[in-house]
Amino acid sequence: MECVVQGIIETQHVDALETLLQGLCGVPKERVRVHELCLKSGPNLGVVASEVRLLCDLAQPTPSWTVRHIGGAMRGAGAEQISVLVRTVVESKVSNSALRLFYTLGYKLDHELLKVGFAFRFNRGAQITVTVTSTNKMPKLHATEEPVLVTPGLQMVEITAPAASDNYNEVVSAISSFCEYLAPLLHLSKPGVLTGIVPTAASAASSLMSNTSGKML
């Protein structure tokens, strides 16, 4: 399983967020360029529809493929009281022929996206990954060199960490604590919960960038 929160930030403030993350994480950022294909099962695979995502990492010298299935979220009173979503996830590396295999099984392409940005991976009470990306659609099938922004001026911020049934409380606490450092720049909440832009983002970004410039001088 994994714990996850998401938020949005205006593109003009992404440099400030990167500066803040660099200071907090203390690790180099990683380039993100992922071609994501969402596949849905056909009627021959049963009454209950299933969905899988094929992810092609284009940032690597040799593109690598991963299949990912996101299951249900944790339910109950305890789940409602925490600000982090806890959900089941199954993920595995696959070959570049995986798409053809899923087509043969009866899956159909629902949509595809290209996510471009950067990520930080670090340990801070949990193995946390912070990803900042713009989301693009393709005007033609698999045309990753012709991306069109879905939300110009906005980028998605996602924080995830792997968890297990015996430690998810600690992971939730680690993510919640880390989110507090980012609060001046963006709201982070469970996926699907829209919280909008933080009113303090512009002033916080300006302060971060001016402090950085001062140190460089």
N, C-alpha and C. Protein backbone atom coordinates (compact mmCIF):
# COMPACT_ATOMS: atom_id res chain seq x y z
N MET A 1 0.83 -1.19 0.00
CA MET A 1 0.00 0.00 0.00
C MET A 1 0.87 1.25 0.00
N GLU A 2 0.24 2.37 -0.23
CA GLU A 2 0.97 3.63 -0.21
C GLU A 2 0.12 4.72 0.42
N CYS A 3 0.79 5.75 0.91
CA CYS A 3 0.14 6.95 1.44
C CYS A 3 0.39 8.08 0.44
N VAL A 4 -0.64 8.90 0.19
CA VAL A 4 -0.49 9.91 -0.85
C VAL A 4 -1.31 11.16 -0.54
N VAL A 5 -0.74 12.31 -0.90
CA VAL A 5 -1.46 13.60 -0.90
C VAL A 5 -1.10 14.31 -2.19
N GLN A 6 -1.99 15.21 -2.63
CA GLN A 6 -1.76 15.97 -3.85
C GLN A 6 -2.15 17.42 -3.66
N GLY A 7 -1.61 18.26 -4.53
CA GLY A 7 -1.98 19.67 -4.53
C GLY A 7 -1.57 20.30 -5.84
N ILE A 8 -1.98 21.54 -6.06
CA ILE A 8 -1.59 22.24 -7.28
C ILE A 8 -0.85 23.52 -6.92
N ILE A 9 0.02 23.93 -7.82
CA ILE A 9 0.79 25.15 -7.62
C ILE A 9 0.90 25.87 -8.96
N GLU A 10 0.88 27.18 -8.93
CA GLU A 10 1.05 27.94 -10.17
C GLU A 10 2.48 27.77 -10.67
N THR A 11 2.61 27.64 -11.98
CA THR A 11 3.92 27.40 -12.59
C THR A 11 4.93 28.48 -12.22
N GLN A 12 4.46 29.70 -12.06
CA GLN A 12 5.38 30.80 -11.73
C GLN A 12 6.05 30.62 -10.36
N HIS A 13 5.48 29.75 -9.51
CA HIS A 13 6.05 29.53 -8.18
C HIS A 13 6.80 28.21 -8.05
N VAL A 14 6.93 27.48 -9.16
CA VAL A 14 7.59 26.17 -9.11
C VAL A 14 9.07 26.30 -8.76
N ASP A 15 9.74 27.34 -9.25
CA ASP A 15 11.16 27.54 -8.92
C ASP A 15 11.35 27.70 -7.41
N ALA A 16 10.45 28.44 -6.80
CA ALA A 16 10.52 28.64 -5.34
C ALA A 16 10.29 27.33 -4.61
N LEU A 17 9.33 26.53 -5.09
CA LEU A 17 9.07 25.23 -4.48
C LEU A 17 10.29 24.32 -4.62
N GLU A 18 10.91 24.34 -5.78
CA GLU A 18 12.11 23.53 -5.99
C GLU A 18 13.22 23.95 -5.03
N THR A 19 13.39 25.24 -4.85
CA THR A 19 14.40 25.76 -3.92
C THR A 19 14.12 25.27 -2.50
N LEU A 20 12.85 25.33 -2.09
CA LEU A 20 12.47 24.89 -0.75
C LEU A 20 12.71 23.39 -0.60
N LEU A 21 12.31 22.61 -1.59
CA LEU A 21 12.49 21.17 -1.53
C LEU A 21 13.96 20.79 -1.49
N GLN A 22 14.78 21.49 -2.26
CA GLN A 22 16.22 21.21 -2.28
C GLN A 22 16.81 21.41 -0.89
N GLY A 23 16.38 22.47 -0.22
CA GLY A 23 16.87 22.73 1.13
C GLY A 23 16.38 21.71 2.14
N LEU A 24 15.13 21.27 2.00
CA LEU A 24 14.54 20.32 2.95
C LEU A 24 15.05 18.90 2.74
N CYS A 25 15.22 18.52 1.48
CA CYS A 25 15.55 17.13 1.17
C CYS A 25 17.04 16.85 1.18
N GLY A 26 17.82 17.81 0.71
CA GLY A 26 19.27 17.63 0.69
C GLY A 26 19.76 16.60 -0.30
N VAL A 27 18.97 16.33 -1.34
CA VAL A 27 19.37 15.37 -2.37
C VAL A 27 19.16 16.02 -3.73
N PRO A 28 19.86 15.56 -4.76
CA PRO A 28 19.65 16.12 -6.10
C PRO A 28 18.25 15.77 -6.61
N LYS A 29 17.69 16.65 -7.40
CA LYS A 29 16.39 16.35 -8.00
C LYS A 29 16.58 15.39 -9.16
N GLU A 30 15.52 14.65 -9.47
CA GLU A 30 15.52 13.74 -10.60
C GLU A 30 14.59 14.27 -11.68
N ARG A 31 14.99 14.11 -12.92
CA ARG A 31 14.15 14.53 -14.04
C ARG A 31 12.99 13.55 -14.21
N VAL A 32 11.80 14.07 -14.47
CA VAL A 32 10.63 13.24 -14.68
C VAL A 32 10.08 13.50 -16.08
N ARG A 33 9.94 12.44 -16.84
CA ARG A 33 9.26 12.49 -18.15
C ARG A 33 8.62 11.12 -18.35
N VAL A 34 7.35 11.02 -18.01
CA VAL A 34 6.66 9.73 -17.98
C VAL A 34 5.47 9.75 -18.94
N HIS A 35 5.46 8.77 -19.81
CA HIS A 35 4.32 8.55 -20.72
C HIS A 35 3.39 7.56 -20.01
N GLU A 36 2.19 8.02 -19.67
CA GLU A 36 1.24 7.21 -18.91
C GLU A 36 0.06 6.82 -19.78
N LEU A 37 -0.17 5.51 -19.88
CA LEU A 37 -1.29 4.99 -20.67
C LEU A 37 -2.28 4.32 -19.73
N CYS A 38 -3.51 4.79 -19.74
CA CYS A 38 -4.55 4.22 -18.89
C CYS A 38 -5.35 3.21 -19.71
N LEU A 39 -5.36 1.97 -19.25
CA LEU A 39 -6.03 0.89 -19.96
C LEU A 39 -7.21 0.38 -19.12
N LYS A 40 -8.34 0.16 -19.78
CA LYS A 40 -9.52 -0.36 -19.09
C LYS A 40 -9.94 -1.69 -19.72
N SER A 41 -10.44 -2.59 -18.87
CA SER A 41 -10.80 -3.92 -19.33
C SER A 41 -12.04 -3.90 -20.20
N GLY A 42 -12.10 -4.85 -21.13
CA GLY A 42 -13.27 -5.01 -21.99
C GLY A 42 -14.27 -5.96 -21.36
N PRO A 43 -15.43 -6.13 -21.97
CA PRO A 43 -16.48 -6.98 -21.41
C PRO A 43 -16.10 -8.45 -21.29
N ASN A 44 -15.12 -8.87 -22.08
CA ASN A 44 -14.70 -10.28 -22.02
C ASN A 44 -13.94 -10.62 -20.75
N LEU A 45 -13.57 -9.59 -19.98
CA LEU A 45 -12.78 -9.80 -18.76
C LEU A 45 -13.63 -9.78 -17.49
N GLY A 46 -14.95 -9.80 -17.65
CA GLY A 46 -15.82 -9.84 -16.47
C GLY A 46 -16.68 -8.62 -16.34
N VAL A 47 -17.65 -8.72 -15.42
CA VAL A 47 -18.62 -7.64 -15.21
C VAL A 47 -17.98 -6.44 -14.53
N VAL A 48 -17.09 -6.72 -13.58
CA VAL A 48 -16.44 -5.64 -12.83
C VAL A 48 -15.27 -5.09 -13.65
N ALA A 49 -15.35 -3.82 -13.99
CA ALA A 49 -14.29 -3.19 -14.79
C ALA A 49 -13.01 -3.05 -13.99
N SER A 50 -11.90 -3.21 -14.65
CA SER A 50 -10.60 -2.99 -14.00
C SER A 50 -9.79 -2.01 -14.83
N GLU A 51 -8.85 -1.38 -14.16
CA GLU A 51 -8.04 -0.35 -14.81
C GLU A 51 -6.59 -0.53 -14.40
N VAL A 52 -5.71 -0.47 -15.36
CA VAL A 52 -4.28 -0.51 -15.08
C VAL A 52 -3.62 0.64 -15.82
N ARG A 53 -2.46 1.03 -15.33
CA ARG A 53 -1.71 2.10 -15.97
C ARG A 53 -0.33 1.59 -16.35
N LEU A 54 0.02 1.80 -17.60
CA LEU A 54 1.36 1.49 -18.07
C LEU A 54 2.16 2.78 -18.06
N LEU A 55 3.30 2.76 -17.41
CA LEU A 55 4.13 3.95 -17.29
C LEU A 55 5.46 3.71 -17.99
N CYS A 56 5.77 4.55 -18.94
CA CYS A 56 7.05 4.46 -19.65
C CYS A 56 7.93 5.62 -19.21
N ASP A 57 9.04 5.31 -18.57
CA ASP A 57 9.96 6.33 -18.07
C ASP A 57 10.87 6.77 -19.21
N LEU A 58 10.56 7.93 -19.78
CA LEU A 58 11.32 8.45 -20.92
C LEU A 58 12.53 9.26 -20.49
N ALA A 59 12.71 9.45 -19.19
CA ALA A 59 13.85 10.23 -18.70
C ALA A 59 15.13 9.40 -18.66
N GLN A 60 14.97 8.09 -18.79
CA GLN A 60 16.13 7.20 -18.75
C GLN A 60 16.74 7.05 -20.14
N PRO A 61 18.06 6.78 -20.23
CA PRO A 61 18.69 6.57 -21.54
C PRO A 61 17.98 5.48 -22.35
N THR A 62 17.57 4.41 -21.64
CA THR A 62 16.74 3.36 -22.25
C THR A 62 15.40 3.36 -21.54
N PRO A 63 14.34 3.75 -22.20
CA PRO A 63 13.02 3.82 -21.55
C PRO A 63 12.65 2.51 -20.87
N SER A 64 12.11 2.61 -19.66
CA SER A 64 11.69 1.42 -18.92
C SER A 64 10.20 1.49 -18.67
N TRP A 65 9.57 0.31 -18.57
CA TRP A 65 8.12 0.22 -18.43
C TRP A 65 7.72 -0.36 -17.08
N THR A 66 6.64 0.18 -16.52
CA THR A 66 6.08 -0.30 -15.26
C THR A 66 4.57 -0.42 -15.42
N VAL A 67 3.99 -1.49 -14.88
CA VAL A 67 2.54 -1.60 -14.83
C VAL A 67 2.11 -1.31 -13.39
N ARG A 68 1.05 -0.54 -13.26
CA ARG A 68 0.61 -0.08 -11.93
C ARG A 68 -0.91 -0.20 -11.82
N HIS A 69 -1.36 -0.84 -10.76
CA HIS A 69 -2.79 -0.93 -10.48
C HIS A 69 -3.06 -0.27 -9.13
N ILE A 70 -3.94 0.71 -9.12
CA ILE A 70 -4.31 1.40 -7.88
C ILE A 70 -5.61 0.81 -7.38
N GLY A 71 -5.58 0.25 -6.20
CA GLY A 71 -6.76 -0.37 -5.61
C GLY A 71 -7.57 0.60 -4.77
N GLY A 72 -8.38 0.05 -3.91
CA GLY A 72 -9.27 0.86 -3.09
C GLY A 72 -8.55 1.55 -1.95
N ALA A 73 -9.15 2.64 -1.49
CA ALA A 73 -8.61 3.39 -0.35
C ALA A 73 -9.07 2.77 0.97
N MET A 74 -8.29 2.96 1.99
CA MET A 74 -8.66 2.49 3.32
C MET A 74 -9.95 3.19 3.76
N ARG A 75 -10.85 2.43 4.35
CA ARG A 75 -12.14 2.97 4.77
C ARG A 75 -12.29 2.88 6.28
N GLY A 76 -13.32 3.54 6.78
CA GLY A 76 -13.60 3.49 8.21
C GLY A 76 -13.38 4.82 8.88
N ALA A 77 -13.74 4.88 10.15
CA ALA A 77 -13.64 6.13 10.91
C ALA A 77 -12.21 6.63 10.99
N GLY A 78 -11.26 5.70 11.14
CA GLY A 78 -9.86 6.11 11.22
C GLY A 78 -9.38 6.78 9.95
N ALA A 79 -9.81 6.25 8.80
CA ALA A 79 -9.39 6.81 7.51
C ALA A 79 -9.95 8.21 7.31
N GLU A 80 -11.17 8.44 7.81
CA GLU A 80 -11.80 9.75 7.63
C GLU A 80 -11.10 10.83 8.45
N GLN A 81 -10.45 10.44 9.51
CA GLN A 81 -9.86 11.41 10.43
C GLN A 81 -8.45 11.85 10.06
N ILE A 82 -7.85 11.19 9.07
CA ILE A 82 -6.49 11.58 8.68
C ILE A 82 -6.54 12.31 7.34
N SER A 83 -5.57 13.19 7.13
CA SER A 83 -5.55 14.03 5.93
C SER A 83 -4.79 13.41 4.78
N VAL A 84 -4.29 12.18 4.96
CA VAL A 84 -3.52 11.47 3.95
C VAL A 84 -4.32 10.27 3.49
N LEU A 85 -4.35 10.02 2.18
CA LEU A 85 -5.04 8.85 1.65
C LEU A 85 -4.14 7.63 1.74
N VAL A 86 -4.68 6.55 2.28
CA VAL A 86 -3.97 5.27 2.35
C VAL A 86 -4.68 4.32 1.40
N ARG A 87 -3.97 3.79 0.41
CA ARG A 87 -4.60 2.94 -0.60
C ARG A 87 -3.69 1.79 -0.98
N THR A 88 -4.28 0.75 -1.55
CA THR A 88 -3.49 -0.38 -2.02
C THR A 88 -2.96 -0.10 -3.42
N VAL A 89 -1.75 -0.54 -3.67
CA VAL A 89 -1.10 -0.34 -4.97
C VAL A 89 -0.29 -1.60 -5.30
N VAL A 90 -0.42 -2.06 -6.53
CA VAL A 90 0.40 -3.17 -7.02
C VAL A 90 1.18 -2.65 -8.22
N GLU A 91 2.50 -2.84 -8.20
CA GLU A 91 3.36 -2.28 -9.24
C GLU A 91 4.43 -3.27 -9.60
N SER A 92 4.75 -3.36 -10.89
CA SER A 92 5.79 -4.30 -11.31
C SER A 92 6.45 -3.80 -12.59
N LYS A 93 7.73 -4.07 -12.74
CA LYS A 93 8.44 -3.77 -13.97
C LYS A 93 8.00 -4.75 -15.06
N VAL A 94 7.87 -4.24 -16.27
CA VAL A 94 7.46 -5.09 -17.39
C VAL A 94 8.31 -4.73 -18.61
N SER A 95 8.19 -5.54 -19.65
CA SER A 95 8.94 -5.29 -20.88
C SER A 95 8.18 -4.31 -21.77
N ASN A 96 8.83 -3.89 -22.84
CA ASN A 96 8.19 -2.93 -23.74
C ASN A 96 7.10 -3.56 -24.61
N SER A 97 6.88 -4.87 -24.45
CA SER A 97 5.79 -5.53 -25.17
C SER A 97 4.52 -5.63 -24.33
N ALA A 98 4.53 -5.00 -23.14
CA ALA A 98 3.39 -5.11 -22.23
C ALA A 98 2.11 -4.54 -22.82
N LEU A 99 2.21 -3.45 -23.56
CA LEU A 99 1.01 -2.85 -24.13
C LEU A 99 0.34 -3.83 -25.10
N ARG A 100 1.13 -4.49 -25.91
CA ARG A 100 0.58 -5.46 -26.85
C ARG A 100 -0.08 -6.62 -26.10
N LEU A 101 0.50 -7.02 -24.98
CA LEU A 101 -0.06 -8.10 -24.17
C LEU A 101 -1.43 -7.71 -23.61
N PHE A 102 -1.53 -6.48 -23.07
CA PHE A 102 -2.81 -6.05 -22.50
C PHE A 102 -3.88 -5.91 -23.57
N TYR A 103 -3.49 -5.47 -24.76
CA TYR A 103 -4.45 -5.43 -25.88
C TYR A 103 -4.95 -6.83 -26.20
N THR A 104 -4.04 -7.81 -26.19
CA THR A 104 -4.41 -9.19 -26.48
C THR A 104 -5.37 -9.74 -25.41
N LEU A 105 -5.18 -9.32 -24.17
CA LEU A 105 -6.03 -9.77 -23.07
C LEU A 105 -7.43 -9.16 -23.13
N GLY A 106 -7.57 -8.09 -23.90
CA GLY A 106 -8.88 -7.46 -24.02
C GLY A 106 -8.99 -6.08 -23.42
N TYR A 107 -7.86 -5.54 -22.95
CA TYR A 107 -7.87 -4.16 -22.44
C TYR A 107 -7.87 -3.18 -23.62
N LYS A 108 -8.44 -2.01 -23.36
CA LYS A 108 -8.47 -0.96 -24.39
C LYS A 108 -7.88 0.33 -23.82
N LEU A 109 -7.23 1.10 -24.68
CA LEU A 109 -6.65 2.37 -24.26
C LEU A 109 -7.76 3.38 -24.00
N ASP A 110 -7.82 3.89 -22.77
CA ASP A 110 -8.83 4.90 -22.41
C ASP A 110 -8.30 6.30 -22.69
N HIS A 111 -7.09 6.58 -22.20
CA HIS A 111 -6.44 7.86 -22.49
C HIS A 111 -4.95 7.74 -22.18
N GLU A 112 -4.19 8.69 -22.67
CA GLU A 112 -2.75 8.72 -22.38
C GLU A 112 -2.32 10.14 -22.07
N LEU A 113 -1.31 10.24 -21.20
CA LEU A 113 -0.81 11.53 -20.77
C LEU A 113 0.71 11.51 -20.77
N LEU A 114 1.30 12.69 -20.84
CA LEU A 114 2.74 12.85 -20.67
C LEU A 114 2.96 13.78 -19.48
N LYS A 115 3.67 13.27 -18.48
CA LYS A 115 3.94 14.07 -17.28
C LYS A 115 5.41 14.46 -17.27
N VAL A 116 5.65 15.77 -17.16
CA VAL A 116 7.01 16.30 -17.27
C VAL A 116 7.31 17.17 -16.06
N GLY A 117 8.47 16.97 -15.44
CA GLY A 117 8.82 17.79 -14.29
C GLY A 117 10.04 17.24 -13.57
N PHE A 118 9.95 17.19 -12.24
CA PHE A 118 11.08 16.70 -11.45
C PHE A 118 10.57 16.04 -10.17
N ALA A 119 11.47 15.32 -9.52
CA ALA A 119 11.10 14.62 -8.29
C ALA A 119 12.27 14.63 -7.32
N PHE A 120 11.94 14.56 -6.04
CA PHE A 120 12.93 14.37 -4.97
C PHE A 120 12.55 13.10 -4.21
N ARG A 121 13.54 12.24 -3.97
CA ARG A 121 13.32 11.01 -3.20
C ARG A 121 14.26 11.04 -2.00
N PHE A 122 13.71 10.85 -0.80
CA PHE A 122 14.51 10.99 0.41
C PHE A 122 13.83 10.26 1.56
N ASN A 123 14.57 10.10 2.64
CA ASN A 123 14.03 9.45 3.83
C ASN A 123 13.88 10.49 4.94
N ARG A 124 12.65 10.61 5.43
CA ARG A 124 12.37 11.56 6.51
C ARG A 124 11.25 10.96 7.36
N GLY A 125 11.58 9.92 8.09
CA GLY A 125 10.58 9.18 8.85
C GLY A 125 9.86 8.16 8.00
N ALA A 126 10.03 8.25 6.70
CA ALA A 126 9.48 7.31 5.71
C ALA A 126 10.22 7.57 4.40
N GLN A 127 10.12 6.65 3.46
CA GLN A 127 10.77 6.81 2.16
C GLN A 127 9.84 7.64 1.28
N ILE A 128 10.03 8.96 1.30
CA ILE A 128 9.09 9.90 0.68
C ILE A 128 9.56 10.29 -0.72
N THR A 129 8.60 10.39 -1.63
CA THR A 129 8.86 10.91 -2.98
C THR A 129 7.95 12.11 -3.22
N VAL A 130 8.55 13.23 -3.61
CA VAL A 130 7.79 14.43 -3.98
C VAL A 130 7.96 14.63 -5.48
N THR A 131 6.85 14.65 -6.19
CA THR A 131 6.89 14.81 -7.65
C THR A 131 6.14 16.07 -8.05
N VAL A 132 6.77 16.89 -8.89
CA VAL A 132 6.16 18.13 -9.38
C VAL A 132 6.13 18.04 -10.90
N THR A 133 4.93 18.00 -11.48
CA THR A 133 4.83 17.78 -12.93
C THR A 133 3.74 18.62 -13.57
N SER A 134 3.95 18.91 -14.84
CA SER A 134 2.89 19.43 -15.70
C SER A 134 2.29 18.24 -16.43
N THR A 135 0.98 18.29 -16.68
CA THR A 135 0.29 17.19 -17.36
C THR A 135 -0.04 17.60 -18.78
N ASN A 136 0.32 16.74 -19.71
CA ASN A 136 0.12 17.02 -21.14
C ASN A 136 -0.69 15.91 -21.80
N LYS A 137 -1.48 16.29 -22.78
CA LYS A 137 -2.15 15.30 -23.62
C LYS A 137 -1.46 15.29 -24.98
N MET A 138 -1.76 14.25 -25.77
CA MET A 138 -1.15 14.13 -27.08
C MET A 138 -2.20 14.31 -28.18
N PRO A 139 -1.93 15.13 -29.17
CA PRO A 139 -2.91 15.33 -30.25
C PRO A 139 -3.09 14.10 -31.13
N LYS A 140 -2.06 13.24 -31.16
CA LYS A 140 -2.12 12.01 -31.93
C LYS A 140 -1.64 10.86 -31.05
N LEU A 141 -2.03 9.66 -31.39
CA LEU A 141 -1.70 8.49 -30.58
C LEU A 141 -0.20 8.36 -30.36
N HIS A 142 0.19 8.31 -29.08
CA HIS A 142 1.59 8.10 -28.66
C HIS A 142 2.54 9.21 -29.12
N ALA A 143 2.02 10.38 -29.48
CA ALA A 143 2.87 11.47 -29.99
C ALA A 143 3.49 12.25 -28.82
N THR A 144 4.44 11.62 -28.13
CA THR A 144 5.03 12.22 -26.93
C THR A 144 5.90 13.44 -27.25
N GLU A 145 6.27 13.62 -28.52
CA GLU A 145 7.08 14.78 -28.89
C GLU A 145 6.21 15.98 -29.27
N GLU A 146 4.89 15.82 -29.16
CA GLU A 146 3.97 16.92 -29.49
C GLU A 146 3.00 17.17 -28.34
N PRO A 147 3.50 17.34 -27.12
CA PRO A 147 2.60 17.47 -25.98
C PRO A 147 1.84 18.79 -25.96
N VAL A 148 0.63 18.74 -25.44
CA VAL A 148 -0.21 19.93 -25.28
C VAL A 148 -0.62 20.01 -23.82
N LEU A 149 -0.30 21.11 -23.16
CA LEU A 149 -0.61 21.25 -21.73
C LEU A 149 -2.10 21.13 -21.48
N VAL A 150 -2.45 20.35 -20.45
CA VAL A 150 -3.85 20.20 -20.06
C VAL A 150 -4.29 21.39 -19.20
N THR A 151 -3.42 21.81 -18.30
CA THR A 151 -3.74 22.93 -17.40
C THR A 151 -2.60 23.97 -17.45
N PRO A 152 -2.58 24.82 -18.47
CA PRO A 152 -1.52 25.83 -18.57
C PRO A 152 -1.48 26.70 -17.32
N GLY A 153 -0.26 26.92 -16.83
CA GLY A 153 -0.12 27.79 -15.65
C GLY A 153 -0.21 27.07 -14.33
N LEU A 154 -0.53 25.77 -14.34
CA LEU A 154 -0.64 25.00 -13.09
C LEU A 154 0.16 23.72 -13.19
N GLN A 155 0.72 23.28 -12.07
CA GLN A 155 1.42 22.01 -12.02
C GLN A 155 0.94 21.21 -10.81
N MET A 156 1.02 19.90 -10.96
CA MET A 156 0.59 18.98 -9.90
C MET A 156 1.75 18.64 -8.99
N VAL A 157 1.49 18.65 -7.69
CA VAL A 157 2.47 18.22 -6.70
C VAL A 157 1.90 17.00 -5.99
N GLU A 158 2.66 15.92 -5.98
CA GLU A 158 2.21 14.69 -5.34
C GLU A 158 3.29 14.19 -4.40
N ILE A 159 2.86 13.82 -3.19
CA ILE A 159 3.78 13.26 -2.21
C ILE A 159 3.30 11.85 -1.88
N THR A 160 4.19 10.87 -2.07
CA THR A 160 3.83 9.48 -1.80
C THR A 160 4.90 8.82 -0.94
N ALA A 161 4.50 7.75 -0.28
CA ALA A 161 5.43 6.94 0.49
C ALA A 161 4.86 5.54 0.63
N PRO A 162 5.67 4.51 0.45
CA PRO A 162 5.17 3.14 0.64
C PRO A 162 4.84 2.89 2.10
N ALA A 163 3.87 2.02 2.33
CA ALA A 163 3.45 1.72 3.70
C ALA A 163 2.97 0.28 3.77
N ALA A 164 2.80 -0.20 4.98
CA ALA A 164 2.27 -1.54 5.22
C ALA A 164 1.20 -1.44 6.31
N SER A 165 0.46 -2.52 6.49
CA SER A 165 -0.65 -2.49 7.45
C SER A 165 -0.18 -2.25 8.87
N ASP A 166 1.09 -2.54 9.16
CA ASP A 166 1.57 -2.38 10.53
C ASP A 166 2.34 -1.08 10.76
N ASN A 167 2.50 -0.25 9.70
CA ASN A 167 3.26 0.99 9.92
C ASN A 167 2.65 2.21 9.25
N TYR A 168 1.45 2.08 8.67
CA TYR A 168 0.91 3.21 7.89
C TYR A 168 0.68 4.45 8.76
N ASN A 169 0.42 4.26 10.06
CA ASN A 169 0.24 5.43 10.94
C ASN A 169 1.50 6.26 11.01
N GLU A 170 2.65 5.59 11.09
CA GLU A 170 3.92 6.31 11.14
C GLU A 170 4.19 7.03 9.81
N VAL A 171 3.85 6.37 8.71
CA VAL A 171 4.06 6.98 7.39
C VAL A 171 3.14 8.18 7.21
N VAL A 172 1.88 8.06 7.61
CA VAL A 172 0.94 9.18 7.55
C VAL A 172 1.47 10.36 8.35
N SER A 173 2.00 10.08 9.53
CA SER A 173 2.56 11.14 10.38
C SER A 173 3.76 11.82 9.71
N ALA A 174 4.62 11.02 9.08
CA ALA A 174 5.81 11.58 8.41
C ALA A 174 5.40 12.49 7.26
N ILE A 175 4.43 12.06 6.46
CA ILE A 175 3.98 12.88 5.33
C ILE A 175 3.30 14.15 5.84
N SER A 176 2.45 14.03 6.84
CA SER A 176 1.74 15.19 7.39
C SER A 176 2.73 16.23 7.92
N SER A 177 3.76 15.75 8.61
CA SER A 177 4.77 16.67 9.16
C SER A 177 5.52 17.37 8.04
N PHE A 178 5.86 16.64 6.99
CA PHE A 178 6.59 17.25 5.88
C PHE A 178 5.73 18.27 5.15
N CYS A 179 4.45 17.99 5.02
CA CYS A 179 3.54 18.90 4.32
C CYS A 179 3.48 20.27 4.99
N GLU A 180 3.69 20.30 6.29
CA GLU A 180 3.63 21.57 7.02
C GLU A 180 4.69 22.55 6.51
N TYR A 181 5.85 22.03 6.09
CA TYR A 181 6.91 22.90 5.58
C TYR A 181 6.51 23.54 4.25
N LEU A 182 5.63 22.88 3.51
CA LEU A 182 5.23 23.38 2.19
C LEU A 182 3.97 24.23 2.23
N ALA A 183 3.35 24.30 3.41
CA ALA A 183 2.04 24.97 3.54
C ALA A 183 2.01 26.41 3.03
N PRO A 184 3.09 27.21 3.18
CA PRO A 184 3.02 28.58 2.65
C PRO A 184 2.88 28.66 1.13
N LEU A 185 3.26 27.55 0.44
CA LEU A 185 3.23 27.56 -1.03
C LEU A 185 2.04 26.82 -1.63
N LEU A 186 1.55 25.79 -0.93
CA LEU A 186 0.45 25.03 -1.52
C LEU A 186 -0.29 24.20 -0.48
N HIS A 187 -1.57 23.94 -0.78
CA HIS A 187 -2.39 23.04 0.00
C HIS A 187 -2.16 21.63 -0.50
N LEU A 188 -2.02 20.68 0.42
CA LEU A 188 -1.90 19.27 0.05
C LEU A 188 -2.99 18.49 0.77
N SER A 189 -3.70 17.66 0.03
CA SER A 189 -4.82 16.92 0.60
C SER A 189 -4.97 15.59 -0.12
N LYS A 190 -5.98 14.82 0.26
CA LYS A 190 -6.23 13.54 -0.39
C LYS A 190 -6.57 13.76 -1.86
N PRO A 191 -6.14 12.87 -2.75
CA PRO A 191 -6.50 13.00 -4.16
C PRO A 191 -8.02 13.11 -4.34
N GLY A 192 -8.42 14.03 -5.20
CA GLY A 192 -9.84 14.24 -5.44
C GLY A 192 -10.46 15.32 -4.59
N VAL A 193 -9.74 15.78 -3.57
CA VAL A 193 -10.23 16.87 -2.72
C VAL A 193 -9.59 18.17 -3.20
N LEU A 194 -10.37 19.01 -3.84
CA LEU A 194 -9.84 20.24 -4.42
C LEU A 194 -9.72 21.32 -3.35
N THR A 195 -8.50 21.85 -3.21
CA THR A 195 -8.27 22.88 -2.19
C THR A 195 -7.82 24.20 -2.78
N GLY A 196 -7.48 24.23 -4.08
CA GLY A 196 -7.14 25.48 -4.73
C GLY A 196 -5.75 26.00 -4.43
N ILE A 197 -5.57 27.27 -4.80
CA ILE A 197 -4.27 27.93 -4.66
C ILE A 197 -4.17 28.59 -3.29
N VAL A 198 -2.99 28.53 -2.69
CA VAL A 198 -2.76 29.15 -1.38
C VAL A 198 -2.61 30.66 -1.55
N PRO A 199 -3.35 31.47 -0.78
CA PRO A 199 -3.26 32.93 -0.90
C PRO A 199 -1.87 33.48 -0.62
N THR A 200 -1.10 32.76 0.23
CA THR A 200 0.24 33.24 0.62
C THR A 200 1.33 32.80 -0.35
N ALA A 201 0.97 32.07 -1.42
CA ALA A 201 1.99 31.49 -2.30
C ALA A 201 2.91 32.54 -2.91
N ALA A 202 2.34 33.64 -3.40
CA ALA A 202 3.16 34.65 -4.08
C ALA A 202 4.18 35.27 -3.13
N SER A 203 3.75 35.64 -1.93
CA SER A 203 4.67 36.28 -0.98
C SER A 203 5.70 35.28 -0.48
N ALA A 204 5.28 34.02 -0.25
CA ALA A 204 6.22 33.01 0.22
C ALA A 204 7.27 32.71 -0.85
N ALA A 205 6.82 32.63 -2.12
CA ALA A 205 7.75 32.38 -3.22
C ALA A 205 8.74 33.52 -3.37
N SER A 206 8.25 34.75 -3.27
CA SER A 206 9.12 35.91 -3.38
C SER A 206 10.17 35.91 -2.28
N SER A 207 9.75 35.57 -1.06
CA SER A 207 10.67 35.54 0.07
C SER A 207 11.75 34.46 -0.12
N LEU A 208 11.33 33.29 -0.58
CA LEU A 208 12.28 32.20 -0.80
C LEU A 208 13.32 32.56 -1.85
N MET A 209 12.86 33.14 -2.96
CA MET A 209 13.77 33.46 -4.04
C MET A 209 14.71 34.61 -3.68
N SER A 210 14.22 35.58 -2.93
CA SER A 210 15.07 36.70 -2.53
C SER A 210 16.12 36.24 -1.54
N ASN A 211 15.74 35.32 -0.64
CA ASN A 211 16.71 34.76 0.31
C ASN A 211 17.80 33.97 -0.41
N THR A 212 17.38 33.23 -1.43
CA THR A 212 18.33 32.44 -2.22
C THR A 212 19.30 33.34 -2.96
N SER A 213 18.76 34.42 -3.55
CA SER A 213 19.61 35.37 -4.29
C SER A 213 20.61 36.02 -3.36
N GLY A 214 20.16 36.34 -2.14
CA GLY A 214 21.03 36.97 -1.16
C GLY A 214 22.20 36.07 -0.78
N LYS A 215 21.92 34.78 -0.62
CA LYS A 215 22.96 33.83 -0.25
C LYS A 215 23.96 33.66 -1.40
N MET A 216 23.45 33.68 -2.65
CA MET A 216 24.36 33.55 -3.78
C MET A 216 25.29 34.74 -3.89
N LEU A 217 24.78 35.92 -3.56
CA LEU A 217 25.63 37.11 -3.59
C LEU A 217 26.67 37.09 -2.49
